[in-house]
C-alpha atoms as a PDB file:
ATOM      1  CA  MET A   1      30.515  53.665 -27.360  1.00  0.00           C
ATOM      2  CA  ALA A   2      31.689  52.569 -30.739  1.00  0.00           C
ATOM      3  CA  GLU A   3      34.330  49.996 -31.663  1.00  0.00           C
ATOM      4  CA  ILE A   4      36.794  51.065 -34.381  1.00  0.00           C
ATOM      5  CA  LYS A   5      37.748  47.959 -36.691  1.00  0.00           C
ATOM      6  CA  ASN A   6      41.129  47.383 -38.169  1.00  0.00           C
ATOM      7  CA  GLY A   7      42.811  50.557 -36.448  1.00  0.00           C
ATOM      8  CA  ILE A   8      42.109  54.124 -36.707  1.00  0.00           C
ATOM      9  CA  LEU A   9      41.351  53.818 -40.490  1.00  0.00           C
ATOM     10  CA  GLY A  10      38.924  50.987 -39.999  1.00  0.00           C
ATOM     11  CA  GLY A  11      35.175  50.962 -39.870  1.00  0.00           C
ATOM     12  CA  VAL A  12      33.129  52.059 -36.885  1.00  0.00           C
ATOM     13  CA  HIS A  13      30.599  49.869 -35.506  1.00  0.00           C
ATOM     14  CA  GLY A  14      28.259  51.498 -32.805  1.00  0.00           C
ATOM     15  CA  LYS A  15      27.134  54.915 -31.707  1.00  0.00           C
ATOM     16  CA  VAL A  16      29.202  57.999 -31.377  1.00  0.00           C
ATOM     17  CA  GLY A  17      26.898  60.747 -30.354  1.00  0.00           C
ATOM     18  CA  THR A  18      24.460  61.445 -33.226  1.00  0.00           C
ATOM     19  CA  VAL A  19      26.336  59.144 -35.431  1.00  0.00           C
ATOM     20  CA  VAL A  20      25.886  55.514 -35.802  1.00  0.00           C
ATOM     21  CA  GLY A  21      28.395  53.110 -37.721  1.00  0.00           C
ATOM     22  CA  PHE A  22      27.308  49.754 -39.130  1.00  0.00           C
ATOM     23  CA  MET A  23      28.467  47.119 -41.694  1.00  0.00           C
ATOM     24  CA  TRP A  24      26.106  46.185 -44.506  1.00  0.00           C
ATOM     25  CA  ARG A  25      27.329  43.465 -47.055  1.00  0.00           C
ATOM     26  CA  GLY A  26      30.912  43.393 -45.974  1.00  0.00           C
ATOM     27  CA  LYS A  27      31.270  47.291 -45.977  1.00  0.00           C
ATOM     28  CA  TYR A  28      31.256  49.894 -43.245  1.00  0.00           C
ATOM     29  CA  TYR A  29      28.670  52.821 -43.325  1.00  0.00           C
ATOM     30  CA  ILE A  30      27.843  55.743 -41.044  1.00  0.00           C
ATOM     31  CA  ARG A  31      24.517  57.643 -40.773  1.00  0.00           C
ATOM     32  CA  SER A  32      22.872  60.081 -38.416  1.00  0.00           C
ATOM     33  CA  ARG A  33      21.198  58.408 -35.554  1.00  0.00           C
ATOM     34  CA  PRO A  34      17.592  57.668 -36.106  1.00  0.00           C
ATOM     35  CA  ARG A  35      14.944  59.469 -34.350  1.00  0.00           C
ATOM     36  CA  LYS A  36      11.562  57.646 -33.044  1.00  0.00           C
ATOM     37  CA  SER A  37       8.730  58.583 -35.159  1.00  0.00           C
ATOM     38  CA  HIS A  38       5.362  59.327 -33.645  1.00  0.00           C
ATOM     39  CA  LYS A  39       3.569  59.623 -37.225  1.00  0.00           C
ATOM     40  CA  GLN A  40       0.934  57.094 -37.817  1.00  0.00           C
ATOM     41  CA  ALA A  41       1.574  54.827 -40.595  1.00  0.00           C
ATOM     42  CA  THR A  42      -0.528  55.308 -43.613  1.00  0.00           C
ATOM     43  CA  GLY A  43      -2.809  52.601 -45.160  1.00  0.00           C
ATOM     44  CA  LYS A  44      -0.188  51.903 -48.043  1.00  0.00           C
ATOM     45  CA  GLN A  45       2.691  51.648 -45.541  1.00  0.00           C
ATOM     46  CA  VAL A  46       0.673  49.151 -43.301  1.00  0.00           C
ATOM     47  CA  ALA A  47      -0.166  47.015 -46.447  1.00  0.00           C
ATOM     48  CA  GLN A  48       3.489  47.231 -47.653  1.00  0.00           C
ATOM     49  CA  ARG A  49       4.661  46.101 -44.244  1.00  0.00           C
ATOM     50  CA  SER A  50       2.155  43.248 -44.248  1.00  0.00           C
ATOM     51  CA  LYS A  51       3.325  41.921 -47.563  1.00  0.00           C
ATOM     52  CA  LEU A  52       6.817  42.206 -46.578  1.00  0.00           C
ATOM     53  CA  ALA A  53       6.277  40.566 -43.241  1.00  0.00           C
ATOM     54  CA  VAL A  54       4.671  37.423 -44.718  1.00  0.00           C
ATOM     55  CA  ALA A  55       7.020  37.207 -47.582  1.00  0.00           C
ATOM     56  CA  SER A  56      10.084  37.408 -45.559  1.00  0.00           C
ATOM     57  CA  GLY A  57       8.428  35.037 -42.756  1.00  0.00           C
ATOM     58  CA  PHE A  58       7.907  32.334 -45.469  1.00  0.00           C
ATOM     59  CA  VAL A  59      11.417  32.815 -47.210  1.00  0.00           C
ATOM     60  CA  SER A  60      13.098  32.628 -43.927  1.00  0.00           C
ATOM     61  CA  LYS A  61      12.140  28.831 -43.844  1.00  0.00           C
ATOM     62  CA  PHE A  62      14.332  28.335 -47.067  1.00  0.00           C
ATOM     63  CA  ARG A  63      17.085  30.761 -46.182  1.00  0.00           C
ATOM     64  CA  GLU A  64      20.091  28.608 -46.371  1.00  0.00           C
ATOM     65  CA  PHE A  65      18.975  26.763 -49.435  1.00  0.00           C
ATOM     66  CA  VAL A  66      17.994  29.726 -51.404  1.00  0.00           C
ATOM     67  CA  ASN A  67      21.254  31.683 -50.665  1.00  0.00           C
ATOM     68  CA  ALA A  68      23.230  28.793 -51.874  1.00  0.00           C
ATOM     69  CA  HIS A  69      21.168  28.024 -55.063  1.00  0.00           C
ATOM     70  CA  TYR A  70      20.526  31.561 -56.337  1.00  0.00           C
ATOM     71  CA  PRO A  71      23.380  33.276 -58.430  1.00  0.00           C
ATOM     72  CA  PRO A  72      24.625  36.665 -57.267  1.00  0.00           C
ATOM     73  CA  ALA A  73      22.487  39.536 -59.000  1.00  0.00           C
ATOM     74  CA  LEU A  74      22.086  43.353 -59.072  1.00  0.00           C
ATOM     75  CA  LEU A  75      18.845  44.451 -57.598  1.00  0.00           C
ATOM     76  CA  ASN A  76      18.370  48.161 -57.698  1.00  0.00           C
ATOM     77  CA  ASP A  77      22.123  48.817 -58.333  1.00  0.00           C
ATOM     78  CA  LYS A  78      23.170  46.647 -55.432  1.00  0.00           C
ATOM     79  CA  MET A  79      24.249  43.158 -55.083  1.00  0.00           C
ATOM     80  CA  ALA A  80      21.304  41.005 -53.585  1.00  0.00           C
ATOM     81  CA  SER A  81      21.449  37.607 -51.991  1.00  0.00           C
ATOM     82  CA  GLY A  82      19.054  34.748 -52.914  1.00  0.00           C
ATOM     83  CA  ARG A  83      16.676  35.400 -50.030  1.00  0.00           C
ATOM     84  CA  GLU A  84      16.566  39.166 -50.961  1.00  0.00           C
ATOM     85  CA  GLN A  85      15.875  38.174 -54.746  1.00  0.00           C
ATOM     86  CA  LEU A  86      13.145  35.825 -53.718  1.00  0.00           C
ATOM     87  CA  ILE A  87      11.431  38.367 -51.324  1.00  0.00           C
ATOM     88  CA  SER A  88      11.521  40.817 -54.027  1.00  0.00           C
ATOM     89  CA  MET A  89       9.944  38.490 -56.548  1.00  0.00           C
ATOM     90  CA  LEU A  90       7.319  37.574 -54.122  1.00  0.00           C
ATOM     91  CA  MET A  91       6.456  41.130 -53.270  1.00  0.00           C
ATOM     92  CA  LYS A  92       5.795  41.937 -56.994  1.00  0.00           C
ATOM     93  CA  GLU A  93       4.215  38.521 -58.084  1.00  0.00           C
ATOM     94  CA  GLY A  94       3.773  36.137 -55.247  1.00  0.00           C
ATOM     95  CA  ILE A  95       1.201  37.764 -52.966  1.00  0.00           C
ATOM     96  CA  THR A  96      -2.475  37.043 -52.961  1.00  0.00           C
ATOM     97  CA  TYR A  97      -5.077  38.772 -50.815  1.00  0.00           C
ATOM     98  CA  ILE A  98      -7.454  36.346 -49.121  1.00  0.00           C
ATOM     99  CA  GLU A  99     -10.326  38.167 -47.237  1.00  0.00           C
ATOM    100  CA  GLY A 100      -7.989  41.154 -46.973  1.00  0.00           C
ATOM    101  CA  GLU A 101      -4.891  39.345 -45.638  1.00  0.00           C
ATOM    102  CA  PRO A 102      -1.797  38.952 -47.667  1.00  0.00           C
ATOM    103  CA  CYS A 103      -0.868  35.433 -48.285  1.00  0.00           C
ATOM    104  CA  VAL A 104       2.116  33.679 -50.139  1.00  0.00           C
ATOM    105  CA  GLU A 105       1.068  31.541 -53.205  1.00  0.00           C
ATOM    106  CA  ILE A 106       3.341  28.608 -52.728  1.00  0.00           C
ATOM    107  CA  ALA A 107       3.170  27.554 -56.261  1.00  0.00           C
ATOM    108  CA  ASN A 108       4.804  30.816 -57.142  1.00  0.00           C
ATOM    109  CA  VAL A 109       8.046  30.116 -54.988  1.00  0.00           C
ATOM    110  CA  LEU A 110      11.304  29.560 -56.816  1.00  0.00           C
ATOM    111  CA  VAL A 111      13.686  28.077 -54.446  1.00  0.00           C
ATOM    112  CA  SER A 112      16.608  28.040 -56.853  1.00  0.00           C
ATOM    113  CA  MET A 113      17.631  29.872 -60.144  1.00  0.00           C
ATOM    114  CA  GLY A 114      20.102  28.781 -62.877  1.00  0.00           C
ATOM    115  CA  SER A 115      20.747  27.818 -66.336  1.00  0.00           C
ATOM    116  CA  LEU A 116      21.020  24.037 -66.067  1.00  0.00           C
ATOM    117  CA  PRO A 117      18.185  22.265 -68.053  1.00  0.00           C
ATOM    118  CA  PRO A 118      15.946  20.409 -65.667  1.00  0.00           C
ATOM    119  CA  ALA A 119      14.615  16.916 -66.428  1.00  0.00           C
ATOM    120  CA  VAL A 120      10.850  16.740 -66.752  1.00  0.00           C
ATOM    121  CA  VAL A 121       9.361  15.251 -63.600  1.00  0.00           C
ATOM    122  CA  LYS A 122       6.260  13.152 -64.592  1.00  0.00           C
ATOM    123  CA  LYS A 123       5.094  12.124 -60.995  1.00  0.00           C
ATOM    124  CA  VAL A 124       5.418  12.615 -57.413  1.00  0.00           C
ATOM    125  CA  ASN A 125       3.460  10.374 -55.376  1.00  0.00           C
ATOM    126  CA  GLN A 126       3.398   8.437 -52.095  1.00  0.00           C
ATOM    127  CA  LEU A 127       3.952   4.630 -52.165  1.00  0.00           C
ATOM    128  CA  LYS A 128       1.962   2.098 -49.978  1.00  0.00           C
ATOM    129  CA  THR A 129       5.201   1.605 -47.944  1.00  0.00           C
ATOM    130  CA  GLY A 130       5.099   5.415 -47.045  1.00  0.00           C
ATOM    131  CA  ARG A 131       8.046   6.341 -49.124  1.00  0.00           C
ATOM    132  CA  ILE A 132       7.761   9.190 -51.845  1.00  0.00           C
ATOM    133  CA  LYS A 133       8.592   8.314 -55.394  1.00  0.00           C
ATOM    134  CA  VAL A 134       9.652  10.673 -58.082  1.00  0.00           C
ATOM    135  CA  LEU A 135       9.870   9.682 -61.813  1.00  0.00           C
ATOM    136  CA  TRP A 136      11.067  11.945 -64.527  1.00  0.00           C
ATOM    137  CA  ASP A 137      11.888  11.860 -68.231  1.00  0.00           C
ATOM    138  CA  ASN A 138      15.437  11.811 -69.326  1.00  0.00           C
ATOM    139  CA  SER A 139      14.788  12.044 -73.003  1.00  0.00           C
ATOM    140  CA  ILE A 140      15.781  15.922 -73.388  1.00  0.00           C
ATOM    141  CA  THR A 141      19.197  16.300 -74.856  1.00  0.00           C
ATOM    142  CA  ASN A 142      21.369  19.289 -74.034  1.00  0.00           C
ATOM    143  CA  ILE A 143      25.076  20.039 -73.973  1.00  0.00           C
ATOM    144  CA  LEU A 144      24.667  21.290 -70.384  1.00  0.00           C
ATOM    145  CA  ALA A 145      22.579  18.301 -69.347  1.00  0.00           C
ATOM    146  CA  LYS A 146      24.837  15.251 -68.141  1.00  0.00           C
ATOM    147  CA  ASN A 147      23.686  11.729 -66.803  1.00  0.00           C
ATOM    148  CA  THR A 148      25.911  12.481 -63.968  1.00  0.00           C
ATOM    149  CA  ASP A 149      23.700  15.518 -62.716  1.00  0.00           C
ATOM    150  CA  ARG A 150      22.293  15.222 -59.265  1.00  0.00           C
ATOM    151  CA  LEU A 151      18.490  15.577 -58.159  1.00  0.00           C
ATOM    152  CA  SER A 152      17.539  17.546 -54.953  1.00  0.00           C
ATOM    153  CA  ILE A 153      13.978  17.549 -53.456  1.00  0.00           C
ATOM    154  CA  VAL A 154      12.785  20.416 -51.368  1.00  0.00           C
ATOM    155  CA  ALA A 155       9.752  19.557 -49.215  1.00  0.00           C
ATOM    156  CA  TYR A 156       7.428  21.969 -47.267  1.00  0.00           C
ATOM    157  CA  SER A 157       4.890  20.664 -44.658  1.00  0.00           C
ATOM    158  CA  GLU A 158       1.850  22.959 -44.131  1.00  0.00           C
ATOM    159  CA  GLU A 159       0.796  21.470 -40.822  1.00  0.00           C
ATOM    160  CA  LEU A 160       4.384  21.641 -39.328  1.00  0.00           C
ATOM    161  CA  HIS A 161       5.566  24.636 -41.221  1.00  0.00           C
ATOM    162  CA  LYS A 162       9.036  23.048 -41.637  1.00  0.00           C
ATOM    163  CA  VAL A 163      11.219  22.569 -44.659  1.00  0.00           C
ATOM    164  CA  GLU A 164      13.220  19.560 -45.462  1.00  0.00           C
ATOM    165  CA  VAL A 165      15.975  19.423 -48.214  1.00  0.00           C
ATOM    166  CA  ILE A 166      16.869  15.989 -49.544  1.00  0.00           C
ATOM    167  CA  GLU A 167      20.063  16.648 -51.503  1.00  0.00           C
ATOM    168  CA  SER A 168      21.726  14.408 -54.257  1.00  0.00           C
ATOM    169  CA  ILE A 169      19.476  11.518 -54.040  1.00  0.00           C
ATOM    170  CA  ALA A 170      19.907  10.409 -57.626  1.00  0.00           C
ATOM    171  CA  LYS A 171      21.541  10.890 -60.869  1.00  0.00           C
ATOM    172  CA  ARG A 172      19.778  12.113 -64.185  1.00  0.00           C
ATOM    173  CA  GLU A 173      20.212   8.581 -65.791  1.00  0.00           C
ATOM    174  CA  ASP A 174      18.466   6.914 -62.854  1.00  0.00           C
ATOM    175  CA  LYS A 175      14.952   8.093 -64.256  1.00  0.00           C
ATOM    176  CA  TYR A 176      13.228   7.546 -60.857  1.00  0.00           C
ATOM    177  CA  VAL A 177      14.036   7.430 -57.008  1.00  0.00           C
ATOM    178  CA  HIS A 178      12.393   6.628 -53.894  1.00  0.00           C
ATOM    179  CA  PHE A 179      13.065   8.515 -50.600  1.00  0.00           C
ATOM    180  CA  ASP A 180      11.764   8.932 -47.143  1.00  0.00           C
ATOM    181  CA  LEU A 181      10.251  12.093 -45.391  1.00  0.00           C
ATOM    182  CA  PRO A 182      11.335  12.951 -41.735  1.00  0.00           C
ATOM    183  CA  LYS A 183       9.704  10.581 -39.191  1.00  0.00           C
ATOM    184  CA  ASP A 184       7.713  13.326 -37.546  1.00  0.00           C
ATOM    185  CA  TRP A 185       6.108  14.230 -40.681  1.00  0.00           C
ATOM    186  CA  VAL A 186       3.309  11.448 -40.145  1.00  0.00           C
ATOM    187  CA  GLU A 187       0.608  13.149 -42.224  1.00  0.00           C
ATOM    188  CA  GLY A 188      -0.592  16.343 -43.913  1.00  0.00           C
ATOM    189  CA  LYS A 189      -0.054  18.102 -46.972  1.00  0.00           C
ATOM    190  CA  VAL A 190       3.408  18.389 -48.250  1.00  0.00           C
ATOM    191  CA  HIS A 191       4.604  20.668 -51.257  1.00  0.00           C
ATOM    192  CA  PHE A 192       7.734  19.549 -53.441  1.00  0.00           C
ATOM    193  CA  TRP A 193      10.245  21.408 -55.622  1.00  0.00           C
ATOM    194  CA  SER A 194      12.868  19.582 -57.878  1.00  0.00           C
ATOM    195  CA  VAL A 195      16.307  21.105 -58.251  1.00  0.00           C
ATOM    196  CA  TRP A 196      19.050  19.657 -60.491  1.00  0.00           C
ATOM    197  CA  LYS A 197      22.759  20.461 -59.903  1.00  0.00           C
ATOM    198  CA  SER A 198      25.906  19.397 -62.055  1.00  0.00           C
ATOM    199  CA  ALA A 199      28.190  16.741 -60.639  1.00  0.00           C
ATOM    200  CA  ASP A 200      30.789  19.720 -59.979  1.00  0.00           C
ATOM    201  CA  GLY A 201      28.185  21.857 -58.461  1.00  0.00           C
ATOM    202  CA  LYS A 202      28.947  24.691 -60.822  1.00  0.00           C
ATOM    203  CA  LEU A 203      25.434  24.572 -62.754  1.00  0.00           C
ATOM    204  CA  ILE A 204      22.234  24.567 -60.826  1.00  0.00           C
ATOM    205  CA  SER A 205      18.655  24.456 -62.521  1.00  0.00           C
ATOM    206  CA  THR A 206      15.705  26.817 -61.831  1.00  0.00           C
ATOM    207  CA  SER A 207      13.531  24.863 -59.446  1.00  0.00           C
ATOM    208  CA  ALA A 208      10.246  23.142 -60.665  1.00  0.00           C
ATOM    209  CA  TYR A 209       7.201  23.113 -58.423  1.00  0.00           C
ATOM    210  CA  HIS A 210       5.256  19.740 -58.363  1.00  0.00           C
ATOM    211  CA  GLY A 211       2.262  20.505 -56.424  1.00  0.00           C
ATOM    212  CA  MET A 212       0.958  19.272 -53.123  1.00  0.00           C
ATOM    213  CA  ILE A 213       0.127  15.738 -52.017  1.00  0.00           C
ATOM    214  CA  GLU A 214      -1.597  14.189 -48.850  1.00  0.00           C
ATOM    215  CA  VAL A 215       1.017  12.485 -47.060  1.00  0.00           C
ATOM    216  CA  VAL A 216       0.221   9.367 -44.642  1.00  0.00           C
ATOM    217  CA  LYS A 217       2.794   7.136 -43.321  1.00  0.00           C
ATOM    218  CA  GLY A 218       2.668   3.625 -44.828  1.00  0.00           C
ATOM    219  CA  GLU A 219       2.353   1.806 -41.447  1.00  0.00           C
ATOM    220  CA  GLN A 220      -0.059   4.211 -40.243  1.00  0.00           C
ATOM    221  CA  ALA A 221      -2.274   3.823 -43.317  1.00  0.00           C
ATOM    222  CA  THR A 222      -2.165  -0.003 -42.613  1.00  0.00           C
ATOM    223  CA  GLU A 223      -3.117   0.488 -38.993  1.00  0.00           C
ATOM    224  CA  ASN A 224      -6.113   2.668 -40.117  1.00  0.00           C
ATOM    225  CA  ARG A 225      -7.410   0.334 -42.817  1.00  0.00           C
ATOM    226  CA  GLU A 226      -7.236  -2.584 -40.366  1.00  0.00           C
ATOM    227  CA  GLN A 227      -8.883  -0.459 -37.744  1.00  0.00           C
ATOM    228  CA  VAL A 228     -11.663   0.677 -39.809  1.00  0.00           C
ATOM    229  CA  ILE A 229     -12.313  -2.904 -40.848  1.00  0.00           C
ATOM    230  CA  SER A 230     -12.432  -4.062 -37.398  1.00  0.00           C
ATOM    231  CA  GLU A 231     -14.771  -1.307 -36.329  1.00  0.00           C
ATOM    232  CA  GLN A 232     -17.069  -2.107 -39.266  1.00  0.00           C
ATOM    233  CA  GLU A 233     -17.006  -5.790 -38.232  1.00  0.00           C
ATOM    234  CA  LYS A 234     -17.583  -4.820 -34.629  1.00  0.00           C
ATOM    235  CA  GLY A 235     -20.421  -2.480 -35.720  1.00  0.00           C
ATOM    236  CA  SER A 236     -22.162  -5.154 -37.360  1.00  0.00           C
ATOM    237  CA  VAL A 237     -21.922  -7.381 -34.566  1.00  0.00           C
ATOM    238  CA  GLU A 238     -23.306  -4.843 -32.240  1.00  0.00           C
ATOM    239  CA  GLN A 239     -26.059  -3.918 -34.556  1.00  0.00           C
ATOM    240  CA  LYS A 240     -27.219  -7.705 -34.556  1.00  0.00           C
ATOM    241  CA  LYS A 241     -27.071  -7.706 -30.748  1.00  0.00           C
ATOM    242  CA  GLY A 242     -29.052  -4.391 -30.864  1.00  0.00           C
ATOM    243  CA  GLU A 243     -31.767  -5.997 -32.927  1.00  0.00           C
ATOM    244  CA  GLN A 244     -31.978  -9.111 -30.740  1.00  0.00           C
ATOM    245  CA  VAL A 245     -32.063  -7.004 -27.480  1.00  0.00           C
ATOM    246  CA  THR A 246     -34.930  -4.966 -29.042  1.00  0.00           C
ATOM    247  CA  GLU A 247     -36.925  -7.929 -30.016  1.00  0.00           C
ATOM    248  CA  ASN A 248     -36.555  -9.237 -26.327  1.00  0.00           C
ATOM    249  CA  LYS A 249     -37.580  -5.858 -25.003  1.00  0.00           C
ATOM    250  CA  GLU A 250     -40.681  -5.806 -27.213  1.00  0.00           C
ATOM    251  CA  ARG A 251     -41.492  -9.079 -26.165  1.00  0.00           C
ATOM    252  CA  SER A 252     -41.020  -8.287 -22.519  1.00  0.00           C
ATOM    253  CA  THR A 253     -42.912  -4.986 -22.814  1.00  0.00           C
ATOM    254  CA  SER A 254     -45.919  -6.614 -24.388  1.00  0.00           C
ATOM    255  CA  SER A 255     -46.076  -9.437 -21.731  1.00  0.00           C
ATOM    256  CA  SER A 256     -46.003  -6.739 -18.959  1.00  0.00           C
ATOM    257  CA  SER A 257     -48.329  -4.178 -20.431  1.00  0.00           C
ATOM    258  CA  SER A 258     -51.229  -5.199 -18.128  1.00  0.00           C
ATOM    259  CA  SER A 259     -49.093  -4.739 -15.108  1.00  0.00           C
ATOM    260  CA  SER A 260     -47.691  -1.426 -16.160  1.00  0.00           C
ATOM    261  CA  LEU A 261     -50.969   0.002 -16.897  1.00  0.00           C
ATOM    262  CA  GLU A 262     -52.163  -0.726 -13.406  1.00  0.00           C
ATOM    263  CA  SER A 263     -49.434   1.291 -11.892  1.00  0.00           C
ATOM    264  CA  PRO A 264     -49.542   4.989 -13.154  1.00  0.00           C
ATOM    265  CA  ALA A 265     -46.570   5.955 -10.905  1.00  0.00           C
ATOM    266  CA  ILE A 266     -44.156   4.068 -13.015  1.00  0.00           C
ATOM    267  CA  THR A 267     -45.798   5.472 -16.294  1.00  0.00           C
ATOM    268  CA  ASP A 268     -45.139   9.101 -14.950  1.00  0.00           C
ATOM    269  CA  LYS A 269     -41.428   8.350 -14.071  1.00  0.00           C
ATOM    270  CA  ILE A 270     -40.795   7.175 -17.633  1.00  0.00           C
ATOM    271  CA  SER A 271     -42.328   9.950 -19.262  1.00  0.00           C
ATOM    272  CA  GLU A 272     -40.790  12.288 -17.010  1.00  0.00           C
ATOM    273  CA  LYS A 273     -37.201  10.748 -17.856  1.00  0.00           C
ATOM    274  CA  VAL A 274     -38.055  10.838 -21.583  1.00  0.00           C
ATOM    275  CA  ASN A 275     -38.823  14.625 -21.384  1.00  0.00           C
ATOM    276  CA  THR A 276     -35.625  15.438 -19.649  1.00  0.00           C
ATOM    277  CA  THR A 277     -33.854  13.706 -22.119  1.00  0.00           C
ATOM    278  CA  ASP A 278     -35.290  15.564 -24.820  1.00  0.00           C
ATOM    279  CA  LYS A 279     -34.396  18.748 -23.301  1.00  0.00           C
ATOM    280  CA  LYS A 280     -30.757  18.226 -23.325  1.00  0.00           C
ATOM    281  CA  LYS A 281     -29.061  20.329 -26.053  1.00  0.00           C
ATOM    282  CA  PRO A 282     -26.218  18.857 -28.250  1.00  0.00           C
ATOM    283  CA  ASP A 283     -22.713  20.147 -27.494  1.00  0.00           C
ATOM    284  CA  ILE A 284     -22.159  22.368 -30.519  1.00  0.00           C
ATOM    285  CA  ARG A 285     -18.764  23.843 -29.045  1.00  0.00           C
ATOM    286  CA  ALA A 286     -16.986  20.524 -29.528  1.00  0.00           C
ATOM    287  CA  ASP A 287     -15.314  21.499 -32.784  1.00  0.00           C
ATOM    288  CA  GLU A 288     -14.535  24.979 -31.864  1.00  0.00           C
ATOM    289  CA  ASP A 289     -11.655  24.060 -29.496  1.00  0.00           C
ATOM    290  CA  LYS A 290      -9.891  22.477 -32.540  1.00  0.00           C
ATOM    291  CA  PRO A 291      -7.368  24.587 -34.156  1.00  0.00           C
ATOM    292  CA  LYS A 292      -8.556  25.690 -37.828  1.00  0.00           C
ATOM    293  CA  LYS A 293      -6.172  26.832 -40.715  1.00  0.00           C
ATOM    294  CA  TRP A 294      -7.065  30.287 -41.765  1.00  0.00           C
ATOM    295  CA  ALA A 295      -5.417  30.273 -45.043  1.00  0.00           C
ATOM    296  CA  PRO A 296      -6.556  27.426 -47.701  1.00  0.00           C
ATOM    297  CA  SER A 297      -4.130  24.743 -48.757  1.00  0.00           C
ATOM    298  CA  GLY A 298      -1.533  26.162 -51.221  1.00  0.00           C
ATOM    299  CA  PHE A 299      -1.220  29.517 -49.466  1.00  0.00           C
ATOM    300  CA  TYR A 300       0.886  30.676 -46.582  1.00  0.00           C
ATOM    301  CA  SER A 301      -0.277  33.423 -43.928  1.00  0.00           C
ATOM    302  CA  ARG A 302       0.908  34.645 -40.830  1.00  0.00           C
ATOM    303  CA  ARG A 303      -2.322  34.556 -39.208  1.00  0.00           C
ATOM    304  CA  ASN A 304      -3.189  30.802 -39.412  1.00  0.00           C
ATOM    305  CA  LYS A 305      -5.162  29.948 -36.130  1.00  0.00           C
ATOM    306  CA  SER A 306      -3.184  26.783 -35.855  1.00  0.00           C
ATOM    307  CA  ASP A 307       0.035  28.752 -35.504  1.00  0.00           C
ATOM    308  CA  ASN A 308       1.431  30.110 -32.328  1.00  0.00           C
ATOM    309  CA  VAL A 309       2.732  33.172 -34.234  1.00  0.00           C
ATOM    310  CA  VAL A 310       2.729  36.587 -32.524  1.00  0.00           C
ATOM    311  CA  GLU A 311       2.611  39.529 -34.786  1.00  0.00           C
ATOM    312  CA  PRO A 312       5.972  41.547 -34.447  1.00  0.00           C
ATOM    313  CA  ASN A 313       5.909  45.045 -33.232  1.00  0.00           C
ATOM    314  CA  VAL A 314       6.511  46.703 -36.394  1.00  0.00           C
ATOM    315  CA  GLN A 315       7.870  49.939 -34.901  1.00  0.00           C
ATOM    316  CA  ARG A 316      10.089  48.291 -32.329  1.00  0.00           C
ATOM    317  CA  ASP A 317      11.620  45.847 -35.051  1.00  0.00           C
ATOM    318  CA  GLN A 318      12.087  49.096 -37.271  1.00  0.00           C
ATOM    319  CA  GLU A 319      13.886  50.784 -34.441  1.00  0.00           C
ATOM    320  CA  GLU A 320      16.264  47.808 -33.972  1.00  0.00           C
ATOM    321  CA  GLN A 321      16.892  47.534 -37.495  1.00  0.00           C
ATOM    322  CA  GLN A 322      17.705  51.157 -37.751  1.00  0.00           C
ATOM    323  CA  GLU A 323      20.557  50.557 -35.179  1.00  0.00           C
ATOM    324  CA  GLU A 324      22.213  47.766 -37.138  1.00  0.00           C
ATOM    325  CA  GLY A 325      21.234  48.172 -40.728  1.00  0.00           C
ATOM    326  CA  PRO A 326      18.465  49.223 -43.345  1.00  0.00           C
ATOM    327  CA  ARG A 327      14.837  49.041 -42.063  1.00  0.00           C
ATOM    328  CA  SER A 328      13.719  46.793 -44.668  1.00  0.00           C
ATOM    329  CA  VAL A 329      14.898  44.825 -47.712  1.00  0.00           C
ATOM    330  CA  LEU A 330      13.325  47.090 -50.194  1.00  0.00           C
ATOM    331  CA  GLU A 331      14.908  50.146 -48.428  1.00  0.00           C
ATOM    332  CA  ALA A 332      18.336  48.422 -48.608  1.00  0.00           C
ATOM    333  CA  LEU A 333      18.023  47.700 -52.282  1.00  0.00           C
ATOM    334  CA  ARG A 334      17.136  51.110 -53.397  1.00  0.00           C
END
């Protein structure tokens, strides 16, 4: 049963026999009800679907920020949101194949698009306190660039697969800023983008990618250093004790050598124990249970072993999308 919006002349949403009504970008459309296809996908179709899946999966993490920081644009004669523009861009230039699998090259991702001139960021690094420092050059002069422009930082954690947006943390005239990452971002590789926005929010800069750094919380780093030092000191003490014990054993062995030779049964037991110890094989499966990242750092893949990502049923998702809207972003933008 279909529902008629805004009276008899309004749009139709739902199924009416072989006709399906749906709304797409604020407008109502009708089309014939799609039939389930039993044709096997070609190699090109599978490759295209894989690229679309990995691109849309990564962009979905930035959806709200990207939609708010991309200007409306025509894409294939239709208005496209920021998410759709970024997916289209990645499909063309941002996908790299590693061992036959499509991966998003994170350095090619633009989280914002605009005409505001950005400040040149010189350094993004972590301080001993655990805070992140951003340093930039404010010498570029432009009629659009103002000292009151605000800086926003977008951060992506590879280990947690999470995005954090730190908005309006400093002005252009400040030249540097310190900020904190979320508390659960204890360690791991983090990627950073900078985005500048005018004080009234009307002008936005195109994002700049600043690479990846290995993040370690300041307190944890201090604890790790103290632990390493204590372990080293403890190890040196134990080594000295071990040497002393070894000397004592050698002395006791030499003093009791005559008695041990007279008792061959004891010698046989000792040799038997040594042989059984040598026969034990080392456990080489200890590292196999640890989760390993399939894609190298700087790339995003839906097949990372550390992710509990279940590959979607492409045919099922396609049928569900046909009921509500276009089957894919590319098809909708044609």
